[in-house]
């Protein structure tokens, strides 16, 4: 029996178990923060440089204004650095604390699909996935984005979502800040208005269509209120209203003659042009990528499939974040040198959640609009632009719900599932397995 997630009561034992899971995983992450250090490089180094520049009253690289990435995560880091000073430890502690909130929201979301017992199982699986523990300890945007995107999902799935305009507006604010953290989340904005329109007949009042429009406007107003100051700042200092000046380069990275589907070695050396102005560079690289896609649709489609392969590849980036690389050593060489036991410990739970999650997601019956919607929009976004292995972190909550739905309904799932869904599940599972086999075969051959 499912529970109304907006209004529910837990027994004393259930409350204790919920508290134990949330605090237990928090303690585990703190131990991780105390015992394991990670090198600061790549995105982490950029985030810290931007955070330091914010403390100096700027948003710049080497004194030059930038819109390289959205300001959401660097702004968070700047607050932590201002209060606690330099160093990773307090960043990791605060991110671990934030994930208590993320976990609680995920539990509440799970109640839309399962009883309390299976919702607690869902939370336990989600909280103990190695990548969730690892990324909370990284100076990367995953943890903060996870919290705000979980807020959006929780609010949108509440029973009273369409009845409380303040809640719709708050969802817009949360969505806006999630976009400031990760601008690739922006395409998901279509889901909320689409939900209001698709389920307009369930809205209260006489004019269903009019109410759907009004609710959409309220949501978008909340989003704009958060994004507008950043966009205006970018126009004034960089010359573009764009929320970030890497979208064009990212599109070109996944749509050019040398593209592999992910960021490839020596990619920057193959840049055909180099602009000092970020806005001009972003536009020109987008044009180059679009020109390649239009003139080579077959190759671009194949690249899209490769991007999905990288998207659903193993947890290599979670592992690589805590490893050192010698000068000139490739990420594959570093990954291959990692203890096989560590690789199994990190990857086997991920493989299990993804494979069972496919079938469970296909078997969702009620309240699946946002779960399936966010999953599809994110996959399409990666297909269009470029992939990294860690980008599947965004999908972990959805596949965890699918995993538990599979466990919850395993006795009837294949009996009641339609033939089309069975074929779809088999093809997606085969794709995942093929990606993982190819990845490890190429790594160890």
Foldseek 3Di string as FASTA:
>chain_A
DFDQLVDDDDDPVLVVLLVCLLVVLLVVLLVCLVPADFDQDDPLVLLQQQLVVVVVVARDDPPAHFLAAFCLLSVVVNVQCVVPNDDQSSQLSVLSVLVSLLLVLLLSLLSVPDYSVLSSVLSNLLSPQLLNSLVSSGSALLSVLSNLVSLLSSLLLRPCNLVDLVSLLVSLLSQLSSCSRPVLLVVLLVLQLVVQVVVLVVHDDDPSVVSSVVSSVSSPVSNCVNLVVQLVVCCVRQNGSDSHLCQLVQLLCLADPPHQQARDPCPVVPPPDDDPRSNVVSVVSNVRRVVRCVVCVPVLQVSLLSNVLQQLEFPLVSVLRRDDDDVPDDSLNRSLPDDVVVSCSNGVSVLLLQLQLLLLLLQDDPPNSSLVSSVVSLSVSSSSGGHHNCSCSSNSSSSSSSNSSCVVCVVCSVVPGDPVSVVVSVVVNVSSVVSHVVSVVVSPD
